[in-house]
Amino acid sequence: MALHSLSPGWRGLFAVVLLAGVGLAAMAGIRHFSTEARLTRATQRLIHITEKEGPESAVSLARAADNFGKFLATNAVLTASEFGALATGRQEMVSLFAQTRSSLNSIAFPDPRLQLKRLAPGEVRVEVRARFRFDVPGEGMMQDNGVADLLWRKTSDGWRLVNAELSLQESDLPAAAFP
């Protein structure tokens, strides 16, 4: 049945339904491409890249380090609240990432919680609260609560991580056992 063969009332109803569908699709697309949605996905991807399930080849380590580095600004800084600056600059952070990753059997951050706050145009802070579990060779499992305070800035290359501060902290996360 062709649209022109419908009565005027049905054509009007069809037009309203079509416009409503287009409007809903546009609204869903706007949420999908919003700054908050993009940075939530980027932060989740960064967490996923950092996790490690077991021994890995040198090629896998290099790929993970390269992917990690793609999120960083050239002047990125990594600090730990208990120790101060750990690495400054993309290359130093990637080297520290690779060194740390190769020295641990596994790294897990089950159920991280993200909270975003827009600070200014082109600048967003993401607080990541998570339990973490590291399998340290010869020492066994180490687990605790931690917070990563990530500062993302819009650059000519897109959104890049410019500052990351890590801390061990009391958390509202449940002290449940890891899977």
N, C-alpha and C. Protein backbone atom coordinates (compact mmCIF):
# COMPACT_ATOMS: atom_id res chain seq x y z
N MET A 1 0.84 -1.17 0.00
CA MET A 1 0.00 0.00 0.00
C MET A 1 0.89 1.23 0.00
N ALA A 2 0.66 2.13 -0.95
CA ALA A 2 1.46 3.35 -1.07
C ALA A 2 0.92 4.41 -0.12
N LEU A 3 1.80 5.31 0.28
CA LEU A 3 1.43 6.38 1.21
C LEU A 3 0.35 7.29 0.61
N HIS A 4 0.43 7.56 -0.68
CA HIS A 4 -0.56 8.46 -1.30
C HIS A 4 -1.95 7.85 -1.33
N SER A 5 -2.08 6.52 -1.18
CA SER A 5 -3.39 5.90 -1.20
C SER A 5 -4.06 5.94 0.19
N LEU A 6 -3.33 6.36 1.24
CA LEU A 6 -3.92 6.48 2.57
C LEU A 6 -4.81 7.71 2.65
N SER A 7 -5.81 7.65 3.50
CA SER A 7 -6.67 8.82 3.69
C SER A 7 -5.85 9.92 4.37
N PRO A 8 -6.30 11.18 4.25
CA PRO A 8 -5.55 12.30 4.84
C PRO A 8 -5.33 12.13 6.34
N GLY A 9 -6.26 11.56 7.06
CA GLY A 9 -6.10 11.35 8.51
C GLY A 9 -4.97 10.39 8.82
N TRP A 10 -4.89 9.30 8.05
CA TRP A 10 -3.82 8.32 8.25
C TRP A 10 -2.47 8.88 7.85
N ARG A 11 -2.44 9.69 6.77
CA ARG A 11 -1.18 10.31 6.35
C ARG A 11 -0.67 11.26 7.43
N GLY A 12 -1.57 12.00 8.06
CA GLY A 12 -1.18 12.91 9.14
C GLY A 12 -0.63 12.14 10.34
N LEU A 13 -1.32 11.05 10.69
CA LEU A 13 -0.86 10.22 11.80
C LEU A 13 0.51 9.61 11.47
N PHE A 14 0.68 9.14 10.25
CA PHE A 14 1.96 8.58 9.82
C PHE A 14 3.06 9.63 9.93
N ALA A 15 2.77 10.86 9.51
CA ALA A 15 3.76 11.95 9.57
C ALA A 15 4.16 12.26 11.01
N VAL A 16 3.18 12.28 11.92
CA VAL A 16 3.46 12.55 13.32
C VAL A 16 4.33 11.45 13.92
N VAL A 17 3.99 10.21 13.63
CA VAL A 17 4.78 9.07 14.13
C VAL A 17 6.20 9.12 13.57
N LEU A 18 6.33 9.42 12.29
CA LEU A 18 7.64 9.52 11.66
C LEU A 18 8.47 10.62 12.29
N LEU A 19 7.88 11.79 12.49
CA LEU A 19 8.60 12.90 13.13
C LEU A 19 8.99 12.57 14.57
N ALA A 20 8.11 11.92 15.29
CA ALA A 20 8.43 11.53 16.67
C ALA A 20 9.60 10.55 16.68
N GLY A 21 9.60 9.60 15.76
CA GLY A 21 10.70 8.63 15.68
C GLY A 21 12.02 9.30 15.35
N VAL A 22 12.00 10.24 14.41
CA VAL A 22 13.22 10.97 14.05
C VAL A 22 13.70 11.80 15.24
N GLY A 23 12.77 12.43 15.94
CA GLY A 23 13.13 13.23 17.12
C GLY A 23 13.75 12.38 18.21
N LEU A 24 13.18 11.22 18.50
CA LEU A 24 13.74 10.33 19.52
C LEU A 24 15.12 9.82 19.12
N ALA A 25 15.28 9.49 17.85
CA ALA A 25 16.59 9.02 17.38
C ALA A 25 17.63 10.12 17.51
N ALA A 26 17.24 11.35 17.19
CA ALA A 26 18.17 12.48 17.32
C ALA A 26 18.56 12.70 18.78
N MET A 27 17.58 12.61 19.68
CA MET A 27 17.87 12.81 21.11
C MET A 27 18.81 11.72 21.61
N ALA A 28 18.59 10.48 21.20
CA ALA A 28 19.48 9.39 21.61
C ALA A 28 20.88 9.62 21.07
N GLY A 29 20.98 10.10 19.83
CA GLY A 29 22.28 10.39 19.23
C GLY A 29 23.00 11.50 19.95
N ILE A 30 22.29 12.52 20.37
CA ILE A 30 22.89 13.63 21.10
C ILE A 30 23.48 13.13 22.41
N ARG A 31 22.76 12.28 23.13
CA ARG A 31 23.29 11.74 24.39
C ARG A 31 24.51 10.86 24.12
N HIS A 32 24.47 10.13 23.02
CA HIS A 32 25.56 9.22 22.70
C HIS A 32 26.85 10.00 22.38
N PHE A 33 26.72 11.17 21.77
CA PHE A 33 27.88 11.94 21.35
C PHE A 33 28.19 13.12 22.26
N SER A 34 27.51 13.22 23.38
CA SER A 34 27.77 14.32 24.31
C SER A 34 29.17 14.17 24.90
N THR A 35 29.70 15.24 25.40
CA THR A 35 31.03 15.22 26.04
C THR A 35 31.06 14.19 27.15
N GLU A 36 30.04 14.19 27.99
CA GLU A 36 30.01 13.26 29.11
C GLU A 36 30.01 11.80 28.64
N ALA A 37 29.22 11.52 27.61
CA ALA A 37 29.17 10.15 27.09
C ALA A 37 30.51 9.74 26.49
N ARG A 38 31.12 10.65 25.74
CA ARG A 38 32.42 10.34 25.12
C ARG A 38 33.48 10.08 26.18
N LEU A 39 33.53 10.91 27.22
CA LEU A 39 34.56 10.75 28.24
C LEU A 39 34.28 9.56 29.16
N THR A 40 33.02 9.23 29.34
CA THR A 40 32.70 8.00 30.08
C THR A 40 33.23 6.80 29.32
N ARG A 41 32.97 6.75 28.01
CA ARG A 41 33.47 5.64 27.20
C ARG A 41 35.00 5.62 27.17
N ALA A 42 35.62 6.79 27.04
CA ALA A 42 37.09 6.85 27.00
C ALA A 42 37.68 6.37 28.32
N THR A 43 37.10 6.77 29.43
CA THR A 43 37.60 6.35 30.74
C THR A 43 37.41 4.86 30.92
N GLN A 44 36.26 4.33 30.52
CA GLN A 44 36.03 2.89 30.61
C GLN A 44 37.03 2.12 29.75
N ARG A 45 37.32 2.64 28.58
CA ARG A 45 38.31 2.00 27.69
C ARG A 45 39.70 2.03 28.33
N LEU A 46 40.05 3.15 28.94
CA LEU A 46 41.34 3.27 29.62
C LEU A 46 41.46 2.26 30.76
N ILE A 47 40.39 2.07 31.50
CA ILE A 47 40.37 1.07 32.58
C ILE A 47 40.55 -0.32 31.98
N HIS A 48 39.83 -0.59 30.92
CA HIS A 48 39.91 -1.91 30.27
C HIS A 48 41.33 -2.19 29.75
N ILE A 49 41.96 -1.18 29.16
CA ILE A 49 43.33 -1.34 28.66
C ILE A 49 44.29 -1.63 29.81
N THR A 50 44.06 -1.03 30.96
CA THR A 50 44.94 -1.20 32.11
C THR A 50 44.80 -2.60 32.73
N GLU A 51 43.61 -3.18 32.66
CA GLU A 51 43.40 -4.50 33.27
C GLU A 51 44.21 -5.58 32.53
N LYS A 52 44.60 -6.60 33.30
CA LYS A 52 45.39 -7.70 32.76
C LYS A 52 44.96 -8.97 33.46
N GLU A 53 44.73 -10.05 32.71
CA GLU A 53 44.21 -11.29 33.29
C GLU A 53 45.28 -12.32 33.60
N GLY A 54 46.45 -12.19 33.05
CA GLY A 54 47.50 -13.18 33.27
C GLY A 54 48.73 -12.84 32.48
N PRO A 55 49.64 -13.80 32.35
CA PRO A 55 50.86 -13.54 31.59
C PRO A 55 50.53 -13.09 30.17
N GLU A 56 51.38 -12.20 29.64
CA GLU A 56 51.15 -11.72 28.28
C GLU A 56 52.47 -11.64 27.54
N SER A 57 52.39 -11.70 26.24
CA SER A 57 53.59 -11.63 25.40
C SER A 57 54.09 -10.20 25.34
N ALA A 58 55.31 -10.05 24.86
CA ALA A 58 55.89 -8.71 24.69
C ALA A 58 55.07 -7.89 23.70
N VAL A 59 54.52 -8.56 22.69
CA VAL A 59 53.70 -7.87 21.69
C VAL A 59 52.41 -7.35 22.33
N SER A 60 51.76 -8.16 23.16
CA SER A 60 50.54 -7.72 23.85
C SER A 60 50.83 -6.56 24.78
N LEU A 61 51.94 -6.61 25.48
CA LEU A 61 52.33 -5.52 26.36
C LEU A 61 52.56 -4.24 25.56
N ALA A 62 53.26 -4.35 24.46
CA ALA A 62 53.53 -3.17 23.63
C ALA A 62 52.24 -2.58 23.06
N ARG A 63 51.31 -3.44 22.64
CA ARG A 63 50.03 -2.94 22.12
C ARG A 63 49.24 -2.23 23.21
N ALA A 64 49.21 -2.81 24.42
CA ALA A 64 48.49 -2.18 25.53
C ALA A 64 49.12 -0.83 25.86
N ALA A 65 50.45 -0.77 25.90
CA ALA A 65 51.14 0.49 26.20
C ALA A 65 50.86 1.53 25.12
N ASP A 66 50.88 1.11 23.86
CA ASP A 66 50.59 2.04 22.76
C ASP A 66 49.16 2.56 22.85
N ASN A 67 48.21 1.68 23.11
CA ASN A 67 46.81 2.10 23.26
C ASN A 67 46.63 3.03 24.45
N PHE A 68 47.31 2.75 25.55
CA PHE A 68 47.27 3.61 26.73
C PHE A 68 47.78 5.01 26.36
N GLY A 69 48.89 5.06 25.65
CA GLY A 69 49.50 6.34 25.29
C GLY A 69 48.63 7.21 24.40
N LYS A 70 47.75 6.60 23.62
CA LYS A 70 46.87 7.36 22.72
C LYS A 70 45.88 8.24 23.47
N PHE A 71 45.63 7.95 24.74
CA PHE A 71 44.70 8.75 25.54
C PHE A 71 45.39 9.95 26.20
N LEU A 72 46.71 9.98 26.18
CA LEU A 72 47.45 10.97 26.96
C LEU A 72 47.84 12.20 26.16
N ALA A 73 47.82 13.36 26.82
CA ALA A 73 48.38 14.58 26.25
C ALA A 73 49.90 14.46 26.33
N THR A 74 50.61 15.19 25.50
CA THR A 74 52.07 15.10 25.51
C THR A 74 52.65 15.56 26.84
N ASN A 75 51.98 16.47 27.52
CA ASN A 75 52.47 17.00 28.80
C ASN A 75 51.74 16.40 30.00
N ALA A 76 51.17 15.22 29.86
CA ALA A 76 50.40 14.58 30.93
C ALA A 76 51.26 14.35 32.17
N VAL A 77 50.59 14.37 33.32
CA VAL A 77 51.29 14.17 34.60
C VAL A 77 50.52 13.12 35.41
N LEU A 78 51.27 12.20 36.00
CA LEU A 78 50.71 11.19 36.89
C LEU A 78 51.28 11.40 38.28
N THR A 79 50.38 11.55 39.26
CA THR A 79 50.81 11.72 40.64
C THR A 79 50.09 10.71 41.53
N ALA A 80 50.69 10.43 42.66
CA ALA A 80 50.06 9.61 43.70
C ALA A 80 50.04 10.47 44.94
N SER A 81 48.89 10.56 45.57
CA SER A 81 48.75 11.46 46.72
C SER A 81 49.75 11.13 47.82
N GLU A 82 50.15 9.88 47.94
CA GLU A 82 51.07 9.49 49.00
C GLU A 82 52.54 9.70 48.62
N PHE A 83 52.85 9.86 47.31
CA PHE A 83 54.24 9.90 46.86
C PHE A 83 54.61 11.12 46.04
N GLY A 84 53.66 11.85 45.51
CA GLY A 84 53.96 12.97 44.62
C GLY A 84 53.99 12.52 43.18
N ALA A 85 54.75 13.25 42.36
CA ALA A 85 54.80 12.97 40.92
C ALA A 85 55.47 11.62 40.66
N LEU A 86 54.81 10.80 39.85
CA LEU A 86 55.36 9.50 39.46
C LEU A 86 55.91 9.54 38.04
N ALA A 87 55.26 10.30 37.17
CA ALA A 87 55.69 10.40 35.78
C ALA A 87 55.18 11.71 35.20
N THR A 88 56.01 12.33 34.37
CA THR A 88 55.60 13.56 33.68
C THR A 88 55.87 13.37 32.19
N GLY A 89 54.89 13.67 31.40
CA GLY A 89 55.00 13.51 29.95
C GLY A 89 54.47 12.15 29.50
N ARG A 90 53.98 12.14 28.27
CA ARG A 90 53.38 10.93 27.72
C ARG A 90 54.35 9.76 27.72
N GLN A 91 55.56 9.97 27.24
CA GLN A 91 56.51 8.87 27.12
C GLN A 91 56.85 8.27 28.47
N GLU A 92 57.06 9.10 29.48
CA GLU A 92 57.37 8.61 30.81
C GLU A 92 56.20 7.83 31.41
N MET A 93 54.98 8.32 31.17
CA MET A 93 53.79 7.62 31.68
C MET A 93 53.61 6.27 30.98
N VAL A 94 53.85 6.22 29.68
CA VAL A 94 53.73 4.95 28.95
C VAL A 94 54.80 3.96 29.44
N SER A 95 56.00 4.45 29.67
CA SER A 95 57.06 3.57 30.19
C SER A 95 56.71 3.03 31.56
N LEU A 96 56.19 3.89 32.45
CA LEU A 96 55.78 3.44 33.78
C LEU A 96 54.64 2.44 33.68
N PHE A 97 53.69 2.69 32.79
CA PHE A 97 52.58 1.77 32.56
C PHE A 97 53.11 0.39 32.16
N ALA A 98 54.01 0.36 31.16
CA ALA A 98 54.55 -0.91 30.67
C ALA A 98 55.35 -1.63 31.76
N GLN A 99 56.16 -0.88 32.50
CA GLN A 99 56.97 -1.48 33.56
C GLN A 99 56.08 -2.07 34.66
N THR A 100 55.07 -1.32 35.07
CA THR A 100 54.17 -1.79 36.12
C THR A 100 53.38 -3.00 35.64
N ARG A 101 52.86 -2.91 34.43
CA ARG A 101 52.05 -4.00 33.88
C ARG A 101 52.86 -5.29 33.75
N SER A 102 54.12 -5.17 33.32
CA SER A 102 54.95 -6.38 33.15
C SER A 102 55.37 -6.98 34.49
N SER A 103 55.33 -6.18 35.56
CA SER A 103 55.76 -6.70 36.86
C SER A 103 54.62 -7.35 37.66
N LEU A 104 53.39 -7.29 37.16
CA LEU A 104 52.25 -7.88 37.85
C LEU A 104 51.67 -9.03 37.03
N ASN A 105 51.20 -10.06 37.73
CA ASN A 105 50.56 -11.19 37.05
C ASN A 105 49.17 -10.82 36.54
N SER A 106 48.43 -10.05 37.35
CA SER A 106 47.09 -9.63 36.93
C SER A 106 46.74 -8.30 37.58
N ILE A 107 45.86 -7.57 36.90
CA ILE A 107 45.37 -6.28 37.37
C ILE A 107 43.87 -6.27 37.11
N ALA A 108 43.08 -5.99 38.14
CA ALA A 108 41.62 -5.97 37.98
C ALA A 108 41.01 -4.78 38.71
N PHE A 109 40.01 -4.20 38.09
CA PHE A 109 39.22 -3.10 38.67
C PHE A 109 37.75 -3.43 38.50
N PRO A 110 37.22 -4.37 39.28
CA PRO A 110 35.82 -4.75 39.09
C PRO A 110 34.87 -3.61 39.48
N ASP A 111 33.88 -3.40 38.66
CA ASP A 111 32.79 -2.44 38.89
C ASP A 111 33.27 -1.04 39.28
N PRO A 112 34.07 -0.40 38.43
CA PRO A 112 34.47 0.98 38.75
C PRO A 112 33.27 1.91 38.67
N ARG A 113 33.28 2.94 39.49
CA ARG A 113 32.22 3.95 39.48
C ARG A 113 32.80 5.27 39.02
N LEU A 114 32.16 5.87 38.03
CA LEU A 114 32.64 7.11 37.45
C LEU A 114 31.70 8.25 37.80
N GLN A 115 32.30 9.40 38.10
CA GLN A 115 31.52 10.61 38.33
C GLN A 115 32.20 11.74 37.56
N LEU A 116 31.46 12.35 36.64
CA LEU A 116 32.01 13.40 35.79
C LEU A 116 31.56 14.77 36.26
N LYS A 117 32.47 15.75 36.10
CA LYS A 117 32.13 17.13 36.43
C LYS A 117 32.80 18.04 35.40
N ARG A 118 31.98 18.81 34.70
CA ARG A 118 32.51 19.76 33.71
C ARG A 118 33.05 20.96 34.49
N LEU A 119 34.33 21.26 34.31
CA LEU A 119 34.97 22.37 35.03
C LEU A 119 34.90 23.67 34.24
N ALA A 120 35.08 23.57 32.96
CA ALA A 120 35.07 24.72 32.06
C ALA A 120 34.87 24.17 30.65
N PRO A 121 34.61 25.03 29.68
CA PRO A 121 34.52 24.52 28.32
C PRO A 121 35.84 23.82 27.94
N GLY A 122 35.74 22.60 27.49
CA GLY A 122 36.92 21.86 27.09
C GLY A 122 37.71 21.25 28.23
N GLU A 123 37.11 21.17 29.43
CA GLU A 123 37.82 20.59 30.57
C GLU A 123 36.82 19.85 31.47
N VAL A 124 37.08 18.56 31.68
CA VAL A 124 36.18 17.71 32.47
C VAL A 124 37.02 16.87 33.43
N ARG A 125 36.56 16.81 34.67
CA ARG A 125 37.19 15.97 35.68
C ARG A 125 36.34 14.71 35.85
N VAL A 126 37.00 13.56 35.82
CA VAL A 126 36.33 12.28 36.04
C VAL A 126 36.94 11.64 37.28
N GLU A 127 36.09 11.37 38.25
CA GLU A 127 36.55 10.66 39.44
C GLU A 127 36.15 9.21 39.28
N VAL A 128 37.14 8.33 39.39
CA VAL A 128 36.91 6.90 39.27
C VAL A 128 37.17 6.28 40.64
N ARG A 129 36.13 5.69 41.21
CA ARG A 129 36.28 4.96 42.48
C ARG A 129 36.16 3.48 42.16
N ALA A 130 37.11 2.72 42.66
CA ALA A 130 37.08 1.28 42.35
C ALA A 130 37.84 0.50 43.40
N ARG A 131 37.45 -0.75 43.51
CA ARG A 131 38.29 -1.70 44.23
C ARG A 131 39.31 -2.16 43.22
N PHE A 132 40.50 -2.43 43.68
CA PHE A 132 41.49 -2.95 42.76
C PHE A 132 42.11 -4.20 43.35
N ARG A 133 42.60 -5.03 42.46
CA ARG A 133 43.27 -6.27 42.87
C ARG A 133 44.47 -6.47 41.96
N PHE A 134 45.63 -6.58 42.58
CA PHE A 134 46.87 -6.85 41.86
C PHE A 134 47.42 -8.18 42.33
N ASP A 135 47.84 -9.02 41.41
CA ASP A 135 48.53 -10.26 41.74
C ASP A 135 50.02 -10.00 41.56
N VAL A 136 50.71 -9.85 42.70
CA VAL A 136 52.13 -9.52 42.70
C VAL A 136 52.93 -10.81 42.79
N PRO A 137 53.82 -11.06 41.82
CA PRO A 137 54.61 -12.30 41.85
C PRO A 137 55.39 -12.44 43.16
N GLY A 138 55.28 -13.59 43.77
CA GLY A 138 55.99 -13.88 45.01
C GLY A 138 55.34 -13.33 46.26
N GLU A 139 54.35 -12.44 46.11
CA GLU A 139 53.69 -11.85 47.28
C GLU A 139 52.21 -12.15 47.33
N GLY A 140 51.63 -12.54 46.23
CA GLY A 140 50.21 -12.86 46.20
C GLY A 140 49.34 -11.65 45.88
N MET A 141 48.07 -11.78 46.27
CA MET A 141 47.08 -10.74 45.95
C MET A 141 47.18 -9.54 46.88
N MET A 142 47.05 -8.37 46.28
CA MET A 142 46.96 -7.12 47.01
C MET A 142 45.67 -6.46 46.55
N GLN A 143 44.81 -6.10 47.48
CA GLN A 143 43.55 -5.46 47.09
C GLN A 143 43.19 -4.37 48.07
N ASP A 144 42.52 -3.36 47.55
CA ASP A 144 42.11 -2.22 48.37
C ASP A 144 41.15 -1.36 47.57
N ASN A 145 40.74 -0.25 48.15
CA ASN A 145 39.93 0.74 47.46
C ASN A 145 40.84 1.84 46.97
N GLY A 146 40.53 2.38 45.81
CA GLY A 146 41.32 3.47 45.27
C GLY A 146 40.48 4.46 44.53
N VAL A 147 41.06 5.64 44.34
CA VAL A 147 40.40 6.70 43.59
C VAL A 147 41.40 7.25 42.57
N ALA A 148 40.94 7.40 41.35
CA ALA A 148 41.73 8.06 40.31
C ALA A 148 40.97 9.32 39.92
N ASP A 149 41.63 10.44 40.06
CA ASP A 149 41.04 11.73 39.69
C ASP A 149 41.67 12.12 38.35
N LEU A 150 40.88 12.05 37.28
CA LEU A 150 41.39 12.25 35.92
C LEU A 150 40.92 13.58 35.37
N LEU A 151 41.84 14.37 34.83
CA LEU A 151 41.50 15.63 34.20
C LEU A 151 41.66 15.49 32.70
N TRP A 152 40.54 15.55 31.99
CA TRP A 152 40.51 15.47 30.53
C TRP A 152 40.41 16.88 29.97
N ARG A 153 41.16 17.15 28.90
CA ARG A 153 41.10 18.46 28.26
C ARG A 153 40.96 18.27 26.75
N LYS A 154 40.12 19.10 26.16
CA LYS A 154 39.91 19.06 24.70
C LYS A 154 41.11 19.73 24.04
N THR A 155 41.78 19.01 23.15
CA THR A 155 42.94 19.53 22.43
C THR A 155 42.65 19.48 20.94
N SER A 156 43.59 19.92 20.16
CA SER A 156 43.42 19.86 18.70
C SER A 156 43.38 18.40 18.22
N ASP A 157 43.89 17.47 19.04
CA ASP A 157 43.86 16.04 18.72
C ASP A 157 42.66 15.33 19.33
N GLY A 158 41.75 16.06 19.95
CA GLY A 158 40.60 15.46 20.62
C GLY A 158 40.79 15.50 22.13
N TRP A 159 39.98 14.76 22.85
CA TRP A 159 40.05 14.74 24.30
C TRP A 159 41.28 13.93 24.73
N ARG A 160 42.10 14.54 25.60
CA ARG A 160 43.31 13.88 26.09
C ARG A 160 43.38 14.01 27.60
N LEU A 161 43.94 13.01 28.22
CA LEU A 161 44.15 13.00 29.67
C LEU A 161 45.38 13.84 29.96
N VAL A 162 45.23 14.90 30.76
CA VAL A 162 46.36 15.78 31.06
C VAL A 162 46.89 15.60 32.48
N ASN A 163 46.05 15.08 33.38
CA ASN A 163 46.49 14.88 34.75
C ASN A 163 45.73 13.71 35.35
N ALA A 164 46.45 12.86 36.05
CA ALA A 164 45.84 11.74 36.76
C ALA A 164 46.46 11.69 38.15
N GLU A 165 45.61 11.73 39.16
CA GLU A 165 46.08 11.61 40.53
C GLU A 165 45.46 10.36 41.14
N LEU A 166 46.30 9.48 41.65
CA LEU A 166 45.86 8.22 42.23
C LEU A 166 45.98 8.29 43.74
N SER A 167 45.03 7.68 44.43
CA SER A 167 45.12 7.63 45.89
C SER A 167 44.39 6.40 46.42
N LEU A 168 44.92 5.91 47.52
CA LEU A 168 44.22 4.88 48.29
C LEU A 168 43.28 5.65 49.20
N GLN A 169 42.06 5.20 49.29
CA GLN A 169 41.12 5.98 50.07
C GLN A 169 40.02 5.12 50.62
N GLU A 170 39.50 5.57 51.74
CA GLU A 170 38.28 4.94 52.24
C GLU A 170 37.22 5.18 51.18
N SER A 171 36.40 4.20 50.99
CA SER A 171 35.43 4.28 49.91
C SER A 171 34.07 3.82 50.39
N ASP A 172 33.04 4.24 49.67
CA ASP A 172 31.69 3.77 49.96
C ASP A 172 31.41 2.46 49.22
N LEU A 173 32.43 1.91 48.56
CA LEU A 173 32.25 0.65 47.86
C LEU A 173 32.16 -0.50 48.85
N PRO A 174 31.37 -1.50 48.57
CA PRO A 174 31.25 -2.64 49.48
C PRO A 174 32.56 -3.41 49.57
N ALA A 175 32.80 -3.97 50.71
CA ALA A 175 34.03 -4.73 50.92
C ALA A 175 33.86 -6.19 50.51
N ALA A 176 32.98 -6.43 49.56
CA ALA A 176 32.70 -7.79 49.11
C ALA A 176 33.93 -8.42 48.49
N ALA A 177 33.98 -9.71 48.52
CA ALA A 177 35.10 -10.44 47.93
C ALA A 177 35.06 -10.29 46.42
N PHE A 178 36.21 -10.40 45.81
CA PHE A 178 36.28 -10.34 44.37
C PHE A 178 35.82 -11.65 43.77
N PRO A 179 35.32 -11.59 42.55
CA PRO A 179 34.89 -12.83 41.91
C PRO A 179 36.08 -13.73 41.63
